[in-house]
Amino acid sequence: MEPMIKRLIDREGGYSNVPGDHGGCTKYGITLETLQQDRGRPDLSCQDLSQLSMTEAADIYQRRYLDAPGFSHVANLPLRELLFDSAVQHDPERPVMWLQAALGVTVDGDIGPKTLGVLGTADVLTVFAEVYRRRLGFYAQIVTHHASQLKFLEGWLNRMGNVLDACLHDDN
């Protein structure tokens, strides 16, 4: 299992079904909707999700949140981890757009050769900081427009600190 996936699963923890959380029931951070889509089974329930194995969760993360959006092609591991964690929490398209905006390329939600080419010559620390800033701003938008979500802000900010710590101390 890729180290960043293991760290994410550790951050997410086991089964959870917190009232008021827009994600609903989750296990290892995988939502019921994601599992239903991944298995092609809209009839799955939270009970089914509670039986999700860590191996299957890691496979879902690799395919849907690293490979499909193109983050596997981001050479800088700290930036890849920030994008990956953002994709898990906010859907893959949003961090792709944050990356493209940070790079000053066309924001089309697709990491293609042009995005990767510009990234290859960019100051990665500046790009990392801009993606991080945009993610923090998105949390502000969430709580501004949905006051009920304010109770989750401290946890989200702790998560951002954990991601930053993992990126600063990345040894893979």
N, C-alpha and C. Protein backbone atom coordinates (compact mmCIF):
# COMPACT_ATOMS: atom_id res chain seq x y z
N MET A 1 0.85 -1.18 0.00
CA MET A 1 0.00 0.00 0.00
C MET A 1 0.90 1.24 0.00
N GLU A 2 0.57 2.18 -0.87
CA GLU A 2 1.35 3.41 -0.97
C GLU A 2 1.31 4.16 0.37
N PRO A 3 2.46 4.66 0.84
CA PRO A 3 2.51 5.31 2.15
C PRO A 3 1.49 6.43 2.34
N MET A 4 1.24 7.25 1.31
CA MET A 4 0.28 8.35 1.49
C MET A 4 -1.14 7.80 1.66
N ILE A 5 -1.44 6.67 1.04
CA ILE A 5 -2.75 6.05 1.23
C ILE A 5 -2.86 5.52 2.66
N LYS A 6 -1.82 4.90 3.14
CA LYS A 6 -1.81 4.40 4.52
C LYS A 6 -2.01 5.55 5.51
N ARG A 7 -1.31 6.67 5.29
CA ARG A 7 -1.46 7.82 6.19
C ARG A 7 -2.89 8.35 6.15
N LEU A 8 -3.48 8.39 4.96
CA LEU A 8 -4.85 8.88 4.84
C LEU A 8 -5.81 7.96 5.57
N ILE A 9 -5.66 6.67 5.38
CA ILE A 9 -6.54 5.72 6.07
C ILE A 9 -6.38 5.85 7.59
N ASP A 10 -5.16 6.04 8.04
CA ASP A 10 -4.94 6.25 9.48
C ASP A 10 -5.63 7.52 9.97
N ARG A 11 -5.56 8.60 9.17
CA ARG A 11 -6.23 9.86 9.55
C ARG A 11 -7.74 9.69 9.58
N GLU A 12 -8.26 8.96 8.60
CA GLU A 12 -9.70 8.81 8.48
C GLU A 12 -10.29 7.90 9.55
N GLY A 13 -9.54 6.88 9.93
CA GLY A 13 -10.03 5.95 10.94
C GLY A 13 -11.01 4.95 10.37
N GLY A 14 -11.68 4.24 11.26
CA GLY A 14 -12.60 3.17 10.88
C GLY A 14 -13.98 3.68 10.52
N TYR A 15 -14.98 2.91 10.84
CA TYR A 15 -16.36 3.23 10.49
C TYR A 15 -16.85 4.42 11.30
N SER A 16 -17.58 5.31 10.62
CA SER A 16 -18.13 6.50 11.27
C SER A 16 -19.45 6.86 10.61
N ASN A 17 -20.37 7.35 11.40
CA ASN A 17 -21.64 7.86 10.88
C ASN A 17 -22.07 9.00 11.80
N VAL A 18 -21.47 10.16 11.59
CA VAL A 18 -21.67 11.32 12.45
C VAL A 18 -22.89 12.11 11.97
N PRO A 19 -23.88 12.32 12.84
CA PRO A 19 -25.05 13.12 12.45
C PRO A 19 -24.61 14.53 12.01
N GLY A 20 -25.17 14.98 10.89
CA GLY A 20 -24.86 16.31 10.39
C GLY A 20 -23.69 16.36 9.43
N ASP A 21 -22.92 15.29 9.35
CA ASP A 21 -21.79 15.24 8.42
C ASP A 21 -22.35 14.97 7.03
N HIS A 22 -22.10 15.87 6.10
CA HIS A 22 -22.63 15.72 4.75
C HIS A 22 -22.11 14.48 4.05
N GLY A 23 -20.99 13.92 4.51
CA GLY A 23 -20.46 12.70 3.92
C GLY A 23 -21.25 11.46 4.28
N GLY A 24 -22.06 11.54 5.32
CA GLY A 24 -22.82 10.38 5.76
C GLY A 24 -21.91 9.34 6.38
N CYS A 25 -22.31 8.08 6.28
CA CYS A 25 -21.49 7.02 6.85
C CYS A 25 -20.23 6.83 6.00
N THR A 26 -19.13 6.55 6.68
CA THR A 26 -17.85 6.34 6.01
C THR A 26 -17.09 5.23 6.72
N LYS A 27 -16.17 4.63 5.99
CA LYS A 27 -15.19 3.73 6.59
C LYS A 27 -13.87 3.97 5.88
N TYR A 28 -12.84 4.22 6.67
CA TYR A 28 -11.51 4.59 6.16
C TYR A 28 -11.60 5.82 5.27
N GLY A 29 -12.67 6.62 5.45
CA GLY A 29 -12.88 7.81 4.64
C GLY A 29 -13.67 7.57 3.37
N ILE A 30 -13.98 6.32 3.06
CA ILE A 30 -14.78 5.98 1.87
C ILE A 30 -16.25 6.18 2.23
N THR A 31 -16.94 7.00 1.44
CA THR A 31 -18.36 7.22 1.69
C THR A 31 -19.19 6.09 1.09
N LEU A 32 -20.42 5.98 1.56
CA LEU A 32 -21.33 4.99 1.01
C LEU A 32 -21.54 5.24 -0.49
N GLU A 33 -21.71 6.49 -0.88
CA GLU A 33 -21.91 6.82 -2.29
C GLU A 33 -20.73 6.36 -3.14
N THR A 34 -19.51 6.57 -2.64
CA THR A 34 -18.32 6.14 -3.37
C THR A 34 -18.30 4.62 -3.52
N LEU A 35 -18.60 3.91 -2.45
CA LEU A 35 -18.62 2.45 -2.53
C LEU A 35 -19.70 1.96 -3.49
N GLN A 36 -20.88 2.57 -3.44
CA GLN A 36 -21.95 2.20 -4.36
C GLN A 36 -21.52 2.40 -5.81
N GLN A 37 -20.89 3.53 -6.10
CA GLN A 37 -20.41 3.81 -7.46
C GLN A 37 -19.31 2.83 -7.85
N ASP A 38 -18.38 2.61 -6.94
CA ASP A 38 -17.23 1.77 -7.26
C ASP A 38 -17.66 0.33 -7.55
N ARG A 39 -18.60 -0.17 -6.80
CA ARG A 39 -19.06 -1.55 -7.01
C ARG A 39 -20.21 -1.64 -8.01
N GLY A 40 -20.74 -0.47 -8.43
CA GLY A 40 -21.89 -0.49 -9.33
C GLY A 40 -23.12 -1.06 -8.67
N ARG A 41 -23.27 -0.77 -7.37
CA ARG A 41 -24.36 -1.33 -6.58
C ARG A 41 -25.04 -0.23 -5.77
N PRO A 42 -26.03 0.45 -6.35
CA PRO A 42 -26.72 1.53 -5.61
C PRO A 42 -27.53 1.03 -4.41
N ASP A 43 -27.69 -0.28 -4.30
CA ASP A 43 -28.47 -0.85 -3.20
C ASP A 43 -27.65 -1.07 -1.93
N LEU A 44 -26.36 -0.81 -1.96
CA LEU A 44 -25.52 -1.03 -0.77
C LEU A 44 -25.95 -0.08 0.35
N SER A 45 -25.76 -0.55 1.58
CA SER A 45 -26.17 0.21 2.76
C SER A 45 -24.95 0.55 3.62
N CYS A 46 -25.19 1.33 4.66
CA CYS A 46 -24.13 1.64 5.62
C CYS A 46 -23.60 0.35 6.25
N GLN A 47 -24.44 -0.64 6.43
CA GLN A 47 -24.01 -1.93 6.96
C GLN A 47 -22.99 -2.58 6.01
N ASP A 48 -23.27 -2.51 4.72
CA ASP A 48 -22.32 -3.04 3.73
C ASP A 48 -21.00 -2.29 3.80
N LEU A 49 -21.09 -0.97 3.91
CA LEU A 49 -19.88 -0.15 4.00
C LEU A 49 -19.07 -0.51 5.24
N SER A 50 -19.73 -0.82 6.34
CA SER A 50 -19.01 -1.14 7.57
C SER A 50 -18.14 -2.39 7.42
N GLN A 51 -18.41 -3.20 6.39
CA GLN A 51 -17.64 -4.42 6.14
C GLN A 51 -16.47 -4.20 5.16
N LEU A 52 -16.31 -2.97 4.68
CA LEU A 52 -15.25 -2.64 3.73
C LEU A 52 -13.89 -2.99 4.31
N SER A 53 -13.05 -3.67 3.53
CA SER A 53 -11.70 -4.00 4.00
C SER A 53 -10.76 -2.84 3.71
N MET A 54 -9.67 -2.79 4.46
CA MET A 54 -8.67 -1.77 4.24
C MET A 54 -8.03 -1.93 2.86
N THR A 55 -7.88 -3.16 2.42
CA THR A 55 -7.30 -3.43 1.10
C THR A 55 -8.19 -2.87 -0.01
N GLU A 56 -9.49 -3.08 0.09
CA GLU A 56 -10.40 -2.54 -0.92
C GLU A 56 -10.41 -1.02 -0.86
N ALA A 57 -10.40 -0.46 0.34
CA ALA A 57 -10.36 1.00 0.48
C ALA A 57 -9.10 1.56 -0.19
N ALA A 58 -7.95 0.92 0.04
CA ALA A 58 -6.70 1.38 -0.56
C ALA A 58 -6.78 1.31 -2.08
N ASP A 59 -7.39 0.25 -2.60
CA ASP A 59 -7.54 0.10 -4.04
C ASP A 59 -8.43 1.20 -4.62
N ILE A 60 -9.52 1.51 -3.93
CA ILE A 60 -10.41 2.60 -4.36
C ILE A 60 -9.64 3.91 -4.37
N TYR A 61 -8.88 4.16 -3.32
CA TYR A 61 -8.10 5.40 -3.26
C TYR A 61 -7.10 5.48 -4.41
N GLN A 62 -6.41 4.40 -4.67
CA GLN A 62 -5.41 4.40 -5.75
C GLN A 62 -6.07 4.70 -7.09
N ARG A 63 -7.13 3.98 -7.40
CA ARG A 63 -7.77 4.13 -8.71
C ARG A 63 -8.51 5.45 -8.88
N ARG A 64 -9.35 5.80 -7.89
CA ARG A 64 -10.27 6.93 -8.04
C ARG A 64 -9.68 8.28 -7.65
N TYR A 65 -8.72 8.26 -6.73
CA TYR A 65 -8.25 9.53 -6.16
C TYR A 65 -6.78 9.83 -6.45
N LEU A 66 -6.05 8.87 -6.98
CA LEU A 66 -4.66 9.12 -7.42
C LEU A 66 -4.55 8.95 -8.94
N ASP A 67 -4.93 7.79 -9.45
CA ASP A 67 -4.74 7.51 -10.87
C ASP A 67 -5.73 8.26 -11.76
N ALA A 68 -7.02 8.15 -11.49
CA ALA A 68 -8.04 8.75 -12.37
C ALA A 68 -7.86 10.26 -12.56
N PRO A 69 -7.64 11.03 -11.51
CA PRO A 69 -7.48 12.48 -11.74
C PRO A 69 -6.09 12.86 -12.26
N GLY A 70 -5.16 11.93 -12.28
CA GLY A 70 -3.82 12.21 -12.79
C GLY A 70 -2.80 12.58 -11.73
N PHE A 71 -3.15 12.49 -10.47
CA PHE A 71 -2.21 12.86 -9.41
C PHE A 71 -1.02 11.92 -9.33
N SER A 72 -1.16 10.70 -9.84
CA SER A 72 -0.03 9.76 -9.87
C SER A 72 1.12 10.30 -10.71
N HIS A 73 0.82 11.24 -11.62
CA HIS A 73 1.84 11.80 -12.50
C HIS A 73 2.52 13.04 -11.90
N VAL A 74 2.06 13.48 -10.74
CA VAL A 74 2.69 14.63 -10.07
C VAL A 74 3.94 14.12 -9.38
N ALA A 75 5.10 14.54 -9.86
CA ALA A 75 6.37 14.00 -9.38
C ALA A 75 6.69 14.40 -7.94
N ASN A 76 6.31 15.60 -7.55
CA ASN A 76 6.62 16.07 -6.20
C ASN A 76 5.69 15.38 -5.21
N LEU A 77 6.25 14.56 -4.33
CA LEU A 77 5.43 13.76 -3.41
C LEU A 77 4.61 14.59 -2.42
N PRO A 78 5.16 15.64 -1.81
CA PRO A 78 4.31 16.45 -0.93
C PRO A 78 3.12 17.07 -1.66
N LEU A 79 3.34 17.61 -2.85
CA LEU A 79 2.22 18.18 -3.62
C LEU A 79 1.23 17.08 -3.99
N ARG A 80 1.74 15.91 -4.39
CA ARG A 80 0.85 14.80 -4.72
C ARG A 80 -0.02 14.44 -3.51
N GLU A 81 0.59 14.40 -2.32
CA GLU A 81 -0.19 14.04 -1.14
C GLU A 81 -1.25 15.08 -0.81
N LEU A 82 -0.91 16.37 -0.95
CA LEU A 82 -1.89 17.42 -0.72
C LEU A 82 -3.05 17.30 -1.70
N LEU A 83 -2.75 17.09 -2.96
CA LEU A 83 -3.79 16.95 -3.98
C LEU A 83 -4.65 15.71 -3.71
N PHE A 84 -4.00 14.61 -3.38
CA PHE A 84 -4.71 13.37 -3.08
C PHE A 84 -5.65 13.53 -1.89
N ASP A 85 -5.15 14.07 -0.78
CA ASP A 85 -5.99 14.25 0.40
C ASP A 85 -7.15 15.20 0.09
N SER A 86 -6.87 16.24 -0.69
CA SER A 86 -7.92 17.18 -1.08
C SER A 86 -8.98 16.48 -1.93
N ALA A 87 -8.55 15.62 -2.83
CA ALA A 87 -9.48 14.89 -3.69
C ALA A 87 -10.40 14.00 -2.88
N VAL A 88 -9.84 13.36 -1.87
CA VAL A 88 -10.65 12.47 -1.03
C VAL A 88 -11.72 13.27 -0.30
N GLN A 89 -11.36 14.42 0.20
CA GLN A 89 -12.31 15.19 0.98
C GLN A 89 -13.25 16.04 0.13
N HIS A 90 -12.81 16.47 -1.04
CA HIS A 90 -13.59 17.45 -1.80
C HIS A 90 -13.94 17.01 -3.22
N ASP A 91 -13.72 15.77 -3.59
CA ASP A 91 -13.87 15.23 -4.94
C ASP A 91 -12.64 15.60 -5.78
N PRO A 92 -12.23 14.73 -6.66
CA PRO A 92 -10.97 14.94 -7.39
C PRO A 92 -10.92 16.18 -8.28
N GLU A 93 -12.02 16.58 -8.87
CA GLU A 93 -11.98 17.70 -9.81
C GLU A 93 -11.56 19.02 -9.15
N ARG A 94 -11.99 19.26 -7.93
CA ARG A 94 -11.70 20.53 -7.26
C ARG A 94 -10.20 20.76 -7.08
N PRO A 95 -9.43 19.81 -6.51
CA PRO A 95 -7.99 20.07 -6.39
C PRO A 95 -7.27 20.13 -7.74
N VAL A 96 -7.79 19.46 -8.76
CA VAL A 96 -7.21 19.62 -10.10
C VAL A 96 -7.34 21.08 -10.52
N MET A 97 -8.52 21.65 -10.31
CA MET A 97 -8.74 23.05 -10.68
C MET A 97 -7.89 23.99 -9.82
N TRP A 98 -7.72 23.67 -8.54
CA TRP A 98 -6.84 24.50 -7.69
C TRP A 98 -5.42 24.46 -8.23
N LEU A 99 -4.96 23.27 -8.62
CA LEU A 99 -3.62 23.13 -9.17
C LEU A 99 -3.48 23.94 -10.45
N GLN A 100 -4.44 23.82 -11.34
CA GLN A 100 -4.36 24.54 -12.61
C GLN A 100 -4.39 26.05 -12.40
N ALA A 101 -5.22 26.51 -11.48
CA ALA A 101 -5.26 27.95 -11.18
C ALA A 101 -3.92 28.40 -10.61
N ALA A 102 -3.33 27.59 -9.74
CA ALA A 102 -2.04 27.94 -9.15
C ALA A 102 -0.95 28.01 -10.21
N LEU A 103 -1.08 27.19 -11.25
CA LEU A 103 -0.08 27.15 -12.32
C LEU A 103 -0.35 28.20 -13.41
N GLY A 104 -1.55 28.79 -13.40
CA GLY A 104 -1.89 29.77 -14.42
C GLY A 104 -2.20 29.16 -15.78
N VAL A 105 -2.62 27.89 -15.78
CA VAL A 105 -3.02 27.24 -17.03
C VAL A 105 -4.54 27.21 -17.10
N THR A 106 -5.06 26.82 -18.25
CA THR A 106 -6.50 26.72 -18.42
C THR A 106 -7.08 25.77 -17.37
N VAL A 107 -8.09 26.25 -16.67
CA VAL A 107 -8.72 25.45 -15.62
C VAL A 107 -9.84 24.65 -16.27
N ASP A 108 -9.51 23.39 -16.60
CA ASP A 108 -10.47 22.52 -17.26
C ASP A 108 -10.75 21.24 -16.48
N GLY A 109 -10.11 21.10 -15.31
CA GLY A 109 -10.35 19.92 -14.48
C GLY A 109 -9.66 18.66 -14.96
N ASP A 110 -8.73 18.80 -15.92
CA ASP A 110 -8.04 17.63 -16.48
C ASP A 110 -6.53 17.84 -16.40
N ILE A 111 -5.85 16.94 -15.71
CA ILE A 111 -4.39 17.03 -15.65
C ILE A 111 -3.85 16.34 -16.90
N GLY A 112 -3.53 17.17 -17.88
CA GLY A 112 -2.99 16.66 -19.13
C GLY A 112 -1.54 17.07 -19.30
N PRO A 113 -1.01 16.88 -20.49
CA PRO A 113 0.39 17.19 -20.75
C PRO A 113 0.75 18.65 -20.50
N LYS A 114 -0.16 19.57 -20.83
CA LYS A 114 0.14 21.00 -20.62
C LYS A 114 0.26 21.31 -19.13
N THR A 115 -0.69 20.84 -18.33
CA THR A 115 -0.63 21.07 -16.88
C THR A 115 0.65 20.47 -16.31
N LEU A 116 0.95 19.24 -16.68
CA LEU A 116 2.16 18.58 -16.17
C LEU A 116 3.43 19.27 -16.67
N GLY A 117 3.40 19.76 -17.90
CA GLY A 117 4.56 20.46 -18.43
C GLY A 117 4.85 21.74 -17.67
N VAL A 118 3.81 22.52 -17.40
CA VAL A 118 3.99 23.76 -16.63
C VAL A 118 4.41 23.42 -15.20
N LEU A 119 3.81 22.38 -14.63
CA LEU A 119 4.18 21.97 -13.28
C LEU A 119 5.66 21.58 -13.22
N GLY A 120 6.16 20.96 -14.28
CA GLY A 120 7.55 20.52 -14.31
C GLY A 120 8.56 21.65 -14.26
N THR A 121 8.13 22.86 -14.61
CA THR A 121 9.03 24.01 -14.59
C THR A 121 8.68 25.00 -13.49
N ALA A 122 7.63 24.73 -12.74
CA ALA A 122 7.14 25.66 -11.72
C ALA A 122 7.92 25.52 -10.41
N ASP A 123 7.85 26.56 -9.61
CA ASP A 123 8.37 26.52 -8.24
C ASP A 123 7.35 25.72 -7.42
N VAL A 124 7.68 24.48 -7.11
CA VAL A 124 6.72 23.58 -6.48
C VAL A 124 6.28 24.08 -5.11
N LEU A 125 7.15 24.72 -4.38
CA LEU A 125 6.78 25.25 -3.07
C LEU A 125 5.70 26.32 -3.21
N THR A 126 5.82 27.17 -4.21
CA THR A 126 4.82 28.20 -4.45
C THR A 126 3.49 27.57 -4.85
N VAL A 127 3.56 26.56 -5.71
CA VAL A 127 2.34 25.86 -6.15
C VAL A 127 1.69 25.17 -4.96
N PHE A 128 2.49 24.48 -4.15
CA PHE A 128 1.97 23.80 -2.96
C PHE A 128 1.24 24.81 -2.07
N ALA A 129 1.89 25.94 -1.80
CA ALA A 129 1.31 26.96 -0.91
C ALA A 129 0.00 27.49 -1.48
N GLU A 130 -0.07 27.68 -2.79
CA GLU A 130 -1.30 28.21 -3.41
C GLU A 130 -2.43 27.19 -3.35
N VAL A 131 -2.14 25.92 -3.60
CA VAL A 131 -3.18 24.89 -3.50
C VAL A 131 -3.65 24.79 -2.04
N TYR A 132 -2.73 24.83 -1.12
CA TYR A 132 -3.06 24.76 0.31
C TYR A 132 -3.95 25.94 0.69
N ARG A 133 -3.59 27.15 0.22
CA ARG A 133 -4.37 28.35 0.51
C ARG A 133 -5.79 28.23 -0.06
N ARG A 134 -5.90 27.73 -1.26
CA ARG A 134 -7.22 27.57 -1.89
C ARG A 134 -8.08 26.56 -1.11
N ARG A 135 -7.44 25.52 -0.61
CA ARG A 135 -8.19 24.54 0.18
C ARG A 135 -8.69 25.16 1.48
N LEU A 136 -7.85 25.92 2.14
CA LEU A 136 -8.29 26.60 3.36
C LEU A 136 -9.44 27.56 3.05
N GLY A 137 -9.35 28.27 1.94
CA GLY A 137 -10.42 29.17 1.52
C GLY A 137 -11.71 28.44 1.25
N PHE A 138 -11.60 27.23 0.74
CA PHE A 138 -12.80 26.43 0.49
C PHE A 138 -13.50 26.07 1.80
N TYR A 139 -12.71 25.74 2.82
CA TYR A 139 -13.32 25.48 4.13
C TYR A 139 -14.09 26.71 4.61
N ALA A 140 -13.51 27.88 4.42
CA ALA A 140 -14.17 29.13 4.82
C ALA A 140 -15.50 29.29 4.08
N GLN A 141 -15.50 28.97 2.78
CA GLN A 141 -16.74 29.04 2.00
C GLN A 141 -17.80 28.08 2.55
N ILE A 142 -17.36 26.88 2.89
CA ILE A 142 -18.31 25.88 3.40
C ILE A 142 -19.00 26.41 4.65
N VAL A 143 -18.23 26.87 5.62
CA VAL A 143 -18.85 27.30 6.89
C VAL A 143 -19.59 28.61 6.74
N THR A 144 -19.21 29.44 5.78
CA THR A 144 -19.93 30.69 5.53
C THR A 144 -21.32 30.41 4.96
N HIS A 145 -21.40 29.43 4.08
CA HIS A 145 -22.67 29.11 3.42
C HIS A 145 -23.49 28.04 4.13
N HIS A 146 -22.84 27.29 5.04
CA HIS A 146 -23.54 26.22 5.76
C HIS A 146 -23.08 26.27 7.22
N ALA A 147 -23.71 27.12 8.00
CA ALA A 147 -23.29 27.32 9.39
C ALA A 147 -23.30 26.02 10.18
N SER A 148 -24.12 25.07 9.81
CA SER A 148 -24.18 23.80 10.54
C SER A 148 -22.86 23.04 10.45
N GLN A 149 -22.03 23.37 9.45
CA GLN A 149 -20.76 22.68 9.25
C GLN A 149 -19.62 23.26 10.09
N LEU A 150 -19.89 24.37 10.77
CA LEU A 150 -18.86 25.01 11.60
C LEU A 150 -18.30 24.04 12.65
N LYS A 151 -19.13 23.13 13.12
CA LYS A 151 -18.67 22.18 14.14
C LYS A 151 -17.57 21.26 13.63
N PHE A 152 -17.40 21.17 12.31
CA PHE A 152 -16.37 20.31 11.73
C PHE A 152 -15.08 21.06 11.41
N LEU A 153 -15.11 22.40 11.50
CA LEU A 153 -13.97 23.20 11.07
C LEU A 153 -12.69 22.87 11.83
N GLU A 154 -12.77 22.70 13.14
CA GLU A 154 -11.56 22.38 13.90
C GLU A 154 -10.94 21.08 13.42
N GLY A 155 -11.75 20.08 13.16
CA GLY A 155 -11.24 18.80 12.65
C GLY A 155 -10.62 18.96 11.28
N TRP A 156 -11.24 19.76 10.41
CA TRP A 156 -10.68 19.98 9.08
C TRP A 156 -9.33 20.68 9.17
N LEU A 157 -9.24 21.66 10.06
CA LEU A 157 -7.97 22.38 10.20
C LEU A 157 -6.90 21.47 10.81
N ASN A 158 -7.30 20.61 11.74
CA ASN A 158 -6.35 19.63 12.27
C ASN A 158 -5.87 18.70 11.15
N ARG A 159 -6.78 18.31 10.28
CA ARG A 159 -6.43 17.46 9.15
C ARG A 159 -5.40 18.17 8.27
N MET A 160 -5.63 19.44 8.00
CA MET A 160 -4.68 20.21 7.18
C MET A 160 -3.31 20.25 7.84
N GLY A 161 -3.29 20.39 9.15
CA GLY A 161 -2.01 20.36 9.87
C GLY A 161 -1.35 19.01 9.75
N ASN A 162 -2.12 17.94 9.84
CA ASN A 162 -1.57 16.58 9.70
C ASN A 162 -1.03 16.35 8.30
N VAL A 163 -1.75 16.84 7.30
CA VAL A 163 -1.29 16.70 5.92
C VAL A 163 0.01 17.48 5.73
N LEU A 164 0.04 18.70 6.24
CA LEU A 164 1.25 19.52 6.11
C LEU A 164 2.41 18.83 6.80
N ASP A 165 2.18 18.30 7.98
CA ASP A 165 3.24 17.60 8.72
C ASP A 165 3.76 16.40 7.91
N ALA A 166 2.84 15.63 7.33
CA ALA A 166 3.24 14.48 6.51
C ALA A 166 4.04 14.92 5.30
N CYS A 167 3.64 16.03 4.70
CA CYS A 167 4.35 16.52 3.52
C CYS A 167 5.73 17.04 3.86
N LEU A 168 5.86 17.69 5.00
CA LEU A 168 7.16 18.24 5.42
C LEU A 168 8.14 17.15 5.84
N HIS A 169 7.59 16.02 6.28
CA HIS A 169 8.44 14.94 6.79
C HIS A 169 8.36 13.71 5.90
N ASP A 170 7.99 13.91 4.64
CA ASP A 170 7.84 12.81 3.71
C ASP A 170 9.20 12.13 3.50
N ASP A 171 9.22 10.82 3.69
CA ASP A 171 10.48 10.09 3.52
C ASP A 171 10.35 8.90 2.56
N ASN A 172 9.31 8.90 1.70
CA ASN A 172 9.20 7.79 0.77
C ASN A 172 9.87 8.10 -0.53
